[in-house]
Protein backbone atom coordinates (compact mmCIF):
# COMPACT_ATOMS: atom_id res chain seq x y z
CA MET A 1 52.16 -89.78 -147.11
CA GLY A 2 53.82 -87.63 -149.77
CA LEU A 3 52.29 -85.40 -152.41
CA LEU A 4 52.94 -86.35 -156.03
CA LEU A 5 52.55 -83.76 -158.79
CA THR A 6 51.86 -85.60 -162.05
CA ASN A 7 51.58 -84.59 -165.71
CA CYS A 8 54.08 -81.77 -165.19
CA THR A 9 56.39 -79.86 -167.45
CA LEU A 10 59.21 -79.08 -165.03
CA ALA A 11 61.17 -75.91 -165.76
CA GLN A 12 63.81 -73.97 -163.85
CA LEU A 13 65.91 -70.94 -164.72
CA SER A 14 69.25 -71.98 -163.24
CA PRO A 15 70.59 -74.42 -164.09
CA ARG A 16 68.23 -74.21 -167.05
CA MET A 17 65.99 -77.23 -167.37
CA VAL A 18 62.78 -78.21 -169.16
CA ARG A 19 61.51 -81.80 -168.95
CA THR A 20 58.32 -83.80 -168.61
CA ALA A 21 58.30 -85.62 -165.27
CA ASN A 22 56.51 -86.16 -161.97
CA LEU A 23 57.56 -84.40 -158.76
CA LEU A 24 57.27 -85.98 -155.31
CA MET A 25 57.21 -83.96 -152.09
CA GLU A 26 57.65 -85.40 -148.60
CA GLY A 27 56.80 -82.87 -145.89
CA ASP A 28 58.37 -79.52 -146.80
CA THR A 29 60.99 -81.01 -149.13
CA ILE A 30 61.24 -82.31 -152.68
CA GLU A 31 61.88 -86.05 -152.42
CA GLY A 32 62.60 -86.71 -156.08
CA VAL A 33 61.86 -86.28 -159.79
CA TYR A 34 60.48 -89.33 -161.61
CA ASP A 35 59.83 -90.19 -165.24
CA GLY A 36 57.20 -92.69 -164.06
CA LEU A 37 55.28 -93.23 -160.86
CA PRO A 38 57.37 -93.74 -157.71
CA ALA A 39 56.66 -96.65 -155.41
CA GLY A 40 54.34 -96.14 -152.47
CA ASP A 41 51.01 -94.50 -151.76
CA HIS A 42 50.87 -90.76 -152.35
CA ASP A 43 48.31 -88.02 -152.63
CA VAL A 44 48.21 -87.10 -156.32
CA PHE A 45 47.75 -83.65 -157.85
CA ASP A 46 47.35 -83.60 -161.64
CA CYS A 47 49.00 -80.51 -163.12
CA ASP A 48 47.37 -81.12 -166.49
CA GLY A 49 50.56 -80.42 -168.43
CA ALA A 50 51.21 -77.03 -166.80
CA LEU A 51 54.68 -75.67 -166.12
CA VAL A 52 55.94 -76.39 -162.62
CA MET A 53 58.73 -74.04 -161.58
CA PRO A 54 60.54 -72.95 -158.42
CA GLY A 55 58.97 -69.96 -156.70
CA ASN A 56 60.46 -66.54 -157.35
CA VAL A 57 62.48 -64.59 -154.78
CA CYS A 58 62.26 -60.82 -154.29
CA ALA A 59 65.66 -59.93 -152.88
CA HIS A 60 64.85 -56.39 -151.70
CA THR A 61 61.45 -54.94 -150.87
CA HIS A 62 59.69 -52.60 -148.44
CA LEU A 63 56.36 -54.09 -147.44
CA TYR A 64 55.43 -50.89 -145.60
CA SER A 65 55.00 -49.19 -148.98
CA VAL A 66 51.96 -51.33 -149.86
CA LEU A 67 49.52 -48.83 -148.34
CA ALA A 68 51.15 -45.96 -150.24
CA ARG A 69 49.28 -46.82 -153.43
CA GLY A 70 47.10 -43.88 -154.43
CA MET A 71 47.92 -41.79 -151.35
CA PRO A 72 47.57 -37.98 -151.52
CA PRO A 73 50.53 -36.05 -152.94
CA PRO A 74 53.15 -34.75 -150.51
CA PRO A 75 52.87 -31.19 -149.14
CA LYS A 76 55.76 -30.16 -151.38
CA THR A 77 56.74 -31.57 -154.74
CA PRO A 78 60.10 -33.37 -154.44
CA ARG A 79 62.82 -32.03 -156.73
CA ASN A 80 65.42 -34.73 -156.09
CA PHE A 81 65.92 -38.04 -154.32
CA PRO A 82 66.63 -36.65 -150.82
CA GLU A 83 63.36 -34.71 -151.06
CA ILE A 84 61.50 -37.86 -152.21
CA LEU A 85 62.68 -39.47 -148.97
CA GLN A 86 61.92 -36.43 -146.83
CA TYR A 87 58.49 -35.55 -148.23
CA VAL A 88 57.17 -39.03 -149.02
CA TRP A 89 58.80 -42.12 -147.53
CA TRP A 90 60.06 -40.73 -144.23
CA ARG A 91 56.61 -39.25 -143.58
CA LEU A 92 54.99 -42.58 -144.39
CA ASP A 93 57.23 -44.64 -142.14
CA ARG A 94 56.76 -42.17 -139.23
CA ALA A 95 52.98 -42.58 -139.54
CA LEU A 96 52.97 -46.38 -139.45
CA ASP A 97 51.34 -48.10 -136.49
CA GLU A 98 50.85 -51.79 -135.72
CA PRO A 99 47.56 -52.18 -137.66
CA SER A 100 48.97 -50.52 -140.78
CA ILE A 101 52.13 -52.65 -140.55
CA ARG A 102 49.95 -55.75 -140.36
CA SER A 103 47.91 -54.83 -143.42
CA SER A 104 50.99 -53.82 -145.40
CA ALA A 105 52.62 -57.18 -144.66
CA LEU A 106 49.54 -59.29 -145.36
CA ILE A 107 48.56 -57.57 -148.62
CA GLY A 108 52.19 -57.60 -149.75
CA ALA A 109 52.37 -61.33 -149.04
CA ILE A 110 49.12 -61.99 -150.91
CA ASP A 111 50.31 -60.00 -153.92
CA ALA A 112 53.64 -61.81 -153.83
CA LEU A 113 52.19 -65.30 -153.69
CA LYS A 114 49.69 -64.60 -156.46
CA SER A 115 52.68 -63.46 -158.54
CA GLY A 116 54.58 -66.70 -157.90
CA THR A 117 56.94 -65.07 -155.38
CA THR A 118 57.51 -67.43 -152.46
CA THR A 119 60.21 -65.53 -150.52
CA LEU A 120 60.43 -61.81 -149.66
CA VAL A 121 63.61 -60.15 -148.37
CA ASP A 122 62.12 -57.17 -146.56
CA HIS A 123 63.72 -54.01 -145.20
CA HIS A 124 61.38 -52.48 -142.62
CA ALA A 125 61.09 -49.03 -140.99
CA SER A 126 58.42 -47.70 -138.60
CA PRO A 127 60.05 -45.13 -136.24
CA SER A 128 56.89 -44.68 -134.15
CA CYS A 129 56.40 -48.45 -133.76
CA ILE A 130 59.79 -50.17 -133.58
CA GLU A 131 59.68 -52.71 -130.76
CA GLY A 132 58.10 -55.94 -131.93
CA SER A 133 57.54 -54.67 -135.48
CA LEU A 134 59.47 -57.54 -137.08
CA THR A 135 57.39 -60.08 -135.18
CA VAL A 136 54.24 -58.34 -136.43
CA LEU A 137 55.53 -58.59 -139.99
CA GLY A 138 56.44 -62.24 -139.47
CA GLN A 139 53.02 -63.10 -138.07
CA GLU A 140 51.27 -61.73 -141.15
CA LEU A 141 53.66 -63.43 -143.56
CA ALA A 142 53.03 -66.68 -141.70
CA ARG A 143 49.26 -66.19 -142.03
CA ALA A 144 49.59 -65.98 -145.79
CA GLY A 145 52.15 -68.81 -145.89
CA ILE A 146 55.09 -67.03 -147.51
CA ARG A 147 58.76 -67.07 -146.50
CA GLY A 148 60.42 -63.89 -145.28
CA VAL A 149 63.92 -62.64 -144.51
CA LEU A 150 63.34 -59.65 -142.25
CA CYS A 151 65.32 -56.78 -140.75
CA TYR A 152 64.73 -53.34 -139.21
CA GLU A 153 66.29 -50.22 -140.74
CA VAL A 154 68.78 -48.69 -138.28
CA THR A 155 69.36 -44.98 -138.89
CA ASP A 156 70.56 -41.90 -137.04
CA ARG A 157 67.98 -39.62 -138.65
CA ASN A 158 65.57 -40.16 -135.73
CA GLY A 159 68.13 -39.53 -132.98
CA THR A 160 70.12 -41.77 -130.69
CA ASP A 161 67.08 -43.29 -129.02
CA GLY A 162 65.55 -44.25 -132.37
CA ARG A 163 68.85 -45.74 -133.47
CA ASN A 164 69.17 -47.79 -130.31
CA GLN A 165 65.60 -49.08 -130.60
CA GLY A 166 66.38 -50.20 -134.15
CA LEU A 167 69.53 -51.99 -133.01
CA ARG A 168 67.59 -53.78 -130.27
CA GLU A 169 64.77 -54.80 -132.62
CA ASN A 170 67.18 -56.42 -135.07
CA GLU A 171 68.94 -58.22 -132.24
CA ARG A 172 65.70 -59.35 -130.54
CA PHE A 173 64.26 -60.75 -133.76
CA ALA A 174 67.48 -62.44 -134.90
CA ARG A 175 67.89 -64.21 -131.55
CA GLY A 176 64.33 -65.59 -131.66
CA VAL A 177 63.84 -66.23 -135.37
CA SER A 178 64.77 -69.92 -135.14
CA ASN A 179 61.49 -70.45 -133.29
CA LEU A 180 59.42 -68.96 -136.13
CA PRO A 181 58.37 -70.93 -139.24
CA ASN A 182 59.60 -69.86 -142.68
CA LEU A 183 61.43 -66.77 -141.35
CA ALA A 184 65.07 -65.72 -141.27
CA ALA A 185 66.87 -62.58 -140.16
CA MET A 186 69.32 -60.04 -141.47
CA PHE A 187 70.52 -56.85 -139.76
CA GLY A 188 69.01 -53.73 -141.31
CA ALA A 189 70.67 -50.39 -141.93
CA HIS A 190 69.32 -47.46 -143.92
CA ALA A 191 72.26 -45.96 -145.84
CA SER A 192 75.69 -44.51 -145.23
CA PHE A 193 74.42 -40.91 -145.43
CA THR A 194 72.09 -41.38 -142.42
CA LEU A 195 74.54 -43.34 -140.27
CA GLU A 196 77.36 -42.12 -138.05
CA ASP A 197 80.61 -44.06 -137.66
CA GLU A 198 79.63 -45.27 -134.19
CA SER A 199 76.36 -46.64 -135.55
CA LEU A 200 78.09 -48.49 -138.38
CA ASP A 201 80.42 -50.10 -135.87
CA GLN A 202 77.50 -51.21 -133.69
CA ILE A 203 75.64 -52.61 -136.68
CA SER A 204 78.60 -54.63 -137.94
CA GLY A 205 79.51 -55.82 -134.45
CA LEU A 206 76.02 -57.03 -133.59
CA ALA A 207 75.49 -58.60 -137.02
CA GLY A 208 78.78 -60.47 -136.63
CA ASP A 209 77.85 -61.68 -133.16
CA LEU A 210 74.47 -62.89 -134.45
CA GLY A 211 75.93 -64.54 -137.56
CA VAL A 212 73.73 -62.58 -139.97
CA GLY A 213 74.48 -60.24 -142.84
CA VAL A 214 73.78 -56.51 -143.04
CA HIS A 215 71.02 -55.44 -145.46
CA ILE A 216 71.73 -51.82 -146.44
CA HIS A 217 71.02 -49.29 -149.21
CA VAL A 218 74.24 -48.40 -150.99
CA ALA A 219 74.81 -45.48 -153.38
CA GLU A 220 71.19 -45.43 -154.52
CA ASP A 221 71.65 -41.73 -155.31
CA LEU A 222 74.70 -39.55 -155.75
CA CYS A 223 73.89 -37.89 -152.42
CA ASP A 224 75.16 -41.03 -150.67
CA GLN A 225 78.54 -40.75 -152.37
CA ALA A 226 78.76 -36.99 -151.80
CA ASP A 227 78.01 -37.39 -148.09
CA SER A 228 80.57 -40.16 -147.63
CA ILE A 229 83.30 -38.22 -149.40
CA GLN A 230 82.52 -35.09 -147.37
CA ARG A 231 82.51 -37.02 -144.07
CA THR A 232 85.49 -39.26 -144.59
CA GLY A 233 87.21 -38.60 -147.89
CA LYS A 234 86.16 -42.12 -148.92
CA ARG A 235 83.56 -43.39 -151.35
CA VAL A 236 80.63 -45.30 -149.87
CA ALA A 237 81.86 -48.86 -150.38
CA ASP A 238 85.25 -47.99 -148.86
CA ARG A 239 83.60 -46.32 -145.89
CA LEU A 240 81.34 -49.31 -145.25
CA ASP A 241 84.26 -51.71 -145.65
CA GLY A 242 86.21 -49.74 -143.07
CA HIS A 243 83.44 -50.51 -140.61
CA HIS A 244 83.33 -54.22 -141.56
CA ILE A 245 79.87 -54.00 -143.14
CA LEU A 246 80.92 -55.75 -146.36
CA SER A 247 80.97 -59.53 -146.05
CA ASP A 248 79.79 -62.67 -147.78
CA ARG A 249 76.46 -62.29 -145.96
CA ALA A 250 75.94 -58.59 -146.73
CA LEU A 251 73.14 -57.53 -149.07
CA LEU A 252 73.76 -54.20 -150.79
CA ALA A 253 70.60 -52.72 -152.31
CA HIS A 254 70.73 -50.55 -155.46
CA CYS A 255 74.47 -49.72 -155.85
CA VAL A 256 73.55 -47.36 -158.70
CA HIS A 257 76.55 -45.10 -158.19
CA LEU A 258 79.30 -47.56 -157.34
CA ASP A 259 82.34 -47.28 -159.58
CA GLU A 260 84.33 -50.21 -160.96
CA LEU A 261 86.69 -50.29 -157.98
CA GLU A 262 83.79 -50.35 -155.53
CA VAL A 263 82.06 -53.17 -157.41
CA SER A 264 85.37 -55.04 -157.34
CA LEU A 265 85.64 -54.47 -153.59
CA ALA A 266 82.08 -55.78 -153.05
CA ALA A 267 82.93 -58.80 -155.18
CA ASN A 268 86.15 -59.48 -153.28
CA ARG A 269 84.25 -59.37 -149.99
CA GLY A 270 81.68 -61.81 -151.38
CA CYS A 271 78.75 -59.39 -151.00
CA TRP A 272 75.34 -59.74 -152.63
CA ILE A 273 73.87 -56.90 -154.69
CA ALA A 274 70.13 -56.40 -155.21
CA HIS A 275 69.36 -54.54 -158.44
CA ASN A 276 66.02 -52.67 -158.38
CA CYS A 277 65.57 -51.42 -161.93
CA ARG A 278 61.97 -50.14 -161.83
CA SER A 279 62.54 -48.22 -158.60
CA ASN A 280 65.65 -46.60 -160.05
CA LEU A 281 63.64 -45.54 -163.08
CA ASN A 282 60.80 -44.20 -160.93
CA ASN A 283 63.10 -42.17 -158.67
CA ALA A 284 65.31 -41.00 -161.57
CA VAL A 285 68.45 -41.84 -159.60
CA GLY A 286 70.44 -43.10 -162.59
CA ARG A 287 71.45 -46.35 -164.25
CA ALA A 288 73.03 -49.06 -162.15
CA PRO A 289 76.34 -50.38 -163.53
CA VAL A 290 74.81 -53.71 -164.46
CA PRO A 291 77.62 -54.65 -166.90
CA ALA A 292 80.11 -54.27 -164.04
CA PHE A 293 77.84 -56.37 -161.79
CA LEU A 294 77.67 -59.10 -164.42
CA ARG A 295 81.44 -59.10 -164.96
CA GLN A 296 82.49 -59.07 -161.35
CA MET A 297 79.78 -60.37 -159.03
CA ALA A 298 79.91 -64.03 -160.17
CA GLY A 299 76.36 -65.10 -159.43
CA ARG A 300 75.87 -62.78 -156.46
CA ILE A 301 73.70 -60.17 -158.16
CA THR A 302 69.97 -60.54 -157.54
CA LEU A 303 66.72 -58.67 -158.30
CA GLY A 304 64.43 -56.74 -155.97
CA THR A 305 61.49 -54.41 -156.41
CA ASP A 306 62.20 -51.85 -153.66
CA GLY A 307 58.54 -52.13 -152.65
CA ILE A 308 56.93 -51.13 -155.95
CA ASP A 309 55.21 -54.53 -155.86
CA GLN A 310 56.38 -58.13 -155.43
CA ASP A 311 56.12 -59.12 -159.13
CA MET A 312 59.42 -60.60 -160.27
CA PHE A 313 58.15 -61.29 -163.79
CA ALA A 314 57.74 -57.54 -164.32
CA GLU A 315 61.01 -56.71 -162.56
CA SER A 316 63.16 -59.15 -164.52
CA ARG A 317 61.61 -58.07 -167.82
CA THR A 318 62.20 -54.37 -167.14
CA ALA A 319 65.79 -55.01 -166.06
CA TYR A 320 66.40 -56.92 -169.27
CA PHE A 321 64.78 -54.33 -171.54
CA ARG A 322 66.72 -51.49 -169.95
CA ALA A 323 69.95 -53.42 -170.37
CA ARG A 324 69.09 -53.91 -174.03
CA GLU A 325 68.66 -50.16 -174.34
CA ASP A 326 72.20 -49.74 -173.00
CA ALA A 327 73.83 -52.59 -174.93
CA LEU A 328 72.35 -54.84 -177.58
CA ASP A 329 74.60 -57.70 -176.49
CA ALA A 330 72.55 -58.14 -173.28
CA PHE A 331 70.90 -61.57 -173.26
CA ALA A 332 67.69 -62.75 -171.62
CA GLU A 333 69.56 -65.59 -169.88
CA GLN A 334 71.68 -63.09 -167.97
CA PHE A 335 68.60 -61.67 -166.30
CA THR A 336 66.83 -64.92 -165.59
CA ASP A 337 70.12 -66.07 -164.01
CA ILE A 338 70.11 -62.91 -161.87
CA LEU A 339 66.55 -63.59 -160.78
CA ALA A 340 67.37 -67.22 -159.95
CA ALA A 341 70.36 -66.11 -157.84
CA GLY A 342 67.92 -64.76 -155.26
CA ALA A 343 67.27 -68.36 -154.24
CA ASP A 344 70.96 -68.84 -153.43
CA LEU A 345 70.87 -65.70 -151.27
CA VAL A 346 67.91 -66.87 -149.19
CA SER A 347 69.19 -70.45 -149.01
CA GLN A 348 72.11 -68.98 -147.09
CA GLY A 349 69.70 -67.30 -144.66
CA PHE A 350 67.47 -70.32 -144.11
CA GLY A 351 70.29 -72.84 -143.98
CA ARG A 352 68.37 -75.02 -146.43
CA PRO A 353 68.38 -74.90 -150.23
CA VAL A 354 65.57 -73.36 -152.27
CA GLY A 355 65.19 -72.55 -155.95
CA ARG A 356 65.52 -75.88 -157.76
CA LEU A 357 63.30 -78.83 -158.61
CA GLU A 358 65.71 -81.35 -157.15
CA ALA A 359 65.73 -83.81 -154.27
CA GLY A 360 66.59 -82.12 -150.98
CA TYR A 361 65.36 -78.67 -151.96
CA LEU A 362 62.51 -76.98 -150.12
CA ALA A 363 59.22 -77.46 -151.94
CA ASP A 364 58.57 -73.82 -152.89
CA ILE A 365 56.81 -74.15 -156.22
CA GLN A 366 54.59 -72.25 -158.67
CA VAL A 367 52.33 -73.97 -161.20
CA TYR A 368 52.16 -71.82 -164.27
CA ASP A 369 49.35 -72.00 -166.82
CA TYR A 370 51.39 -71.43 -169.98
CA THR A 371 50.87 -73.31 -173.22
CA PRO A 372 53.77 -72.26 -175.45
CA PRO A 373 52.99 -71.48 -179.08
CA THR A 374 56.51 -72.66 -180.02
CA THR A 375 58.77 -75.38 -178.66
CA LEU A 376 59.96 -74.73 -175.11
CA THR A 377 63.52 -75.91 -174.41
CA PRO A 378 66.24 -75.16 -171.86
CA ASN A 379 67.95 -73.04 -174.51
CA ASN A 380 64.99 -70.77 -175.14
CA LEU A 381 63.25 -70.79 -171.73
CA ALA A 382 64.64 -67.33 -170.87
CA TRP A 383 63.22 -65.86 -174.08
CA HIS A 384 59.78 -67.30 -173.39
CA TRP A 385 60.10 -65.80 -169.91
CA MET A 386 60.91 -62.29 -171.18
CA PHE A 387 58.37 -62.13 -173.97
CA ALA A 388 55.42 -64.15 -172.67
CA PHE A 389 55.51 -64.91 -168.96
CA SER A 390 53.31 -62.87 -166.62
CA ASN A 391 52.03 -63.07 -163.06
CA GLN A 392 48.53 -63.39 -164.53
CA LEU A 393 49.36 -66.98 -165.51
CA VAL A 394 50.31 -68.15 -162.00
CA LYS A 395 47.65 -70.74 -161.08
CA HIS A 396 48.83 -72.58 -157.95
CA VAL A 397 51.62 -71.84 -155.46
CA MET A 398 53.18 -74.05 -152.80
CA VAL A 399 55.53 -73.05 -149.97
CA GLY A 400 57.24 -75.75 -147.93
CA GLY A 401 55.09 -78.47 -149.45
CA LYS A 402 51.79 -76.73 -148.58
CA TRP A 403 49.44 -75.10 -151.06
CA VAL A 404 49.05 -71.39 -150.35
CA VAL A 405 47.40 -70.45 -153.67
CA LYS A 406 45.04 -72.78 -155.55
CA ASN A 407 43.23 -71.83 -158.72
CA ARG A 408 44.47 -68.24 -158.27
CA SER A 409 42.81 -67.92 -154.84
CA MET A 410 44.48 -67.69 -151.46
CA VAL A 411 44.21 -70.82 -149.31
CA ASN A 412 45.01 -69.50 -145.81
CA VAL A 413 43.45 -66.02 -145.78
CA ASP A 414 40.44 -64.23 -147.24
CA GLY A 415 42.02 -61.80 -149.68
CA GLY A 416 38.87 -59.73 -150.11
CA GLU A 417 38.46 -59.22 -146.38
CA ALA A 418 42.17 -58.40 -146.01
CA ARG A 419 41.91 -55.70 -148.69
CA ALA A 420 38.78 -54.18 -147.16
CA ILE A 421 40.55 -53.88 -143.80
CA ALA A 422 43.64 -52.48 -145.53
CA ARG A 423 41.60 -49.71 -147.19
CA GLU A 424 40.33 -48.54 -143.80
CA ARG A 425 43.81 -48.62 -142.30
CA ALA A 426 45.30 -46.83 -145.30
CA THR A 427 42.88 -43.93 -144.87
CA ALA A 428 43.87 -43.59 -141.21
CA LEU A 429 47.55 -43.84 -142.17
CA TRP A 430 47.21 -41.09 -144.77
CA ASN A 431 45.46 -38.83 -142.27
CA ARG A 432 48.32 -39.27 -139.81
CA MET A 433 50.80 -38.47 -142.56
CA GLN A 434 48.98 -35.29 -143.47
CA ALA A 435 49.20 -34.13 -139.85
CA LEU A 436 52.98 -34.57 -139.65
CA PRO A 437 55.21 -31.50 -140.01
CA LEU A 438 57.78 -31.46 -142.80
């Protein structure tokens, strides 16, 4: 028996659509959109006129950063981006253990779902707890009921043994992911400036053998470009391309300091780019060349949060406002289109389409409690989104045809208990961090 959502205002960002209709789900899939009632017996859920939209996708995040909120300051104040990594994030990831990974994943999933985000593309690192870490993440995402595209960050900064463990963890997870619900795999890599040529070759070779794309930070800071030029005489994108990292499955995070030729190269290789505006602002790494992305990437630029949170309403709004600061001819539709492109990225990973309210698409849906004060149409949906939409208005969320949030409360897990456990684990994590040498 299917589930019929009635009394809906259906809305989607790309292709833009607003219409009054009923939505029928069969199993994990949308069966059809109906102006009236479809034939047959169905369970009925009355949406009471609310907006029903596809779930949001966060195309680049770090769930391990969830327990960083409010942590003590680092032993030295960072003066630049490399020092932010050295004094903050690389100390945090070294201190992670299995319990803290579990809480980070579960709280991140809860926060995501309650923000209408139904898929997370995560980039994980835990050098003291590598083997099995992606399965741990996947188990907690499954508990909450969210989709995840997971990878482990391969790097040479922790020595050859650490690199090899990272390679094996990506391979192990990718080979077994077909047996896990709502999960897909990529092959993780940190960034060009922490990877030797041999490591890049192993990453691209294994990713190719496994049929998955490489998820890597690219030119987030100028230090990445400076290192690549010093090592090889090539800019970052050219170096990565020489090692066959760039492909139509590759996901390049940040790309703040790519020049026009590098963006063109990424476009020609069919790569995806994940723009993380709020993180770039927070780390003061510079302004991503968004106009070049929009001109050249042809629907393959997406939005991520880099682990700040999993709230794509806030991320898309900030990206739009910053673009307006740079050029008044930036339009809201450009940034809702970018957000919607994340669904095309993860459809590729899952081998099934997400992101539209159409027959055959996975039933990943948010019910949004928004009563517009002005007429809502396909032509002005993006402007309502930028100036009124908020995660606070997400009322119900469904992933694969199953409710995971109802009336703003989690269905599968006790959020209060999960947060209480997380606070205990965060304290232990912070204590381990404080004990680590610089």
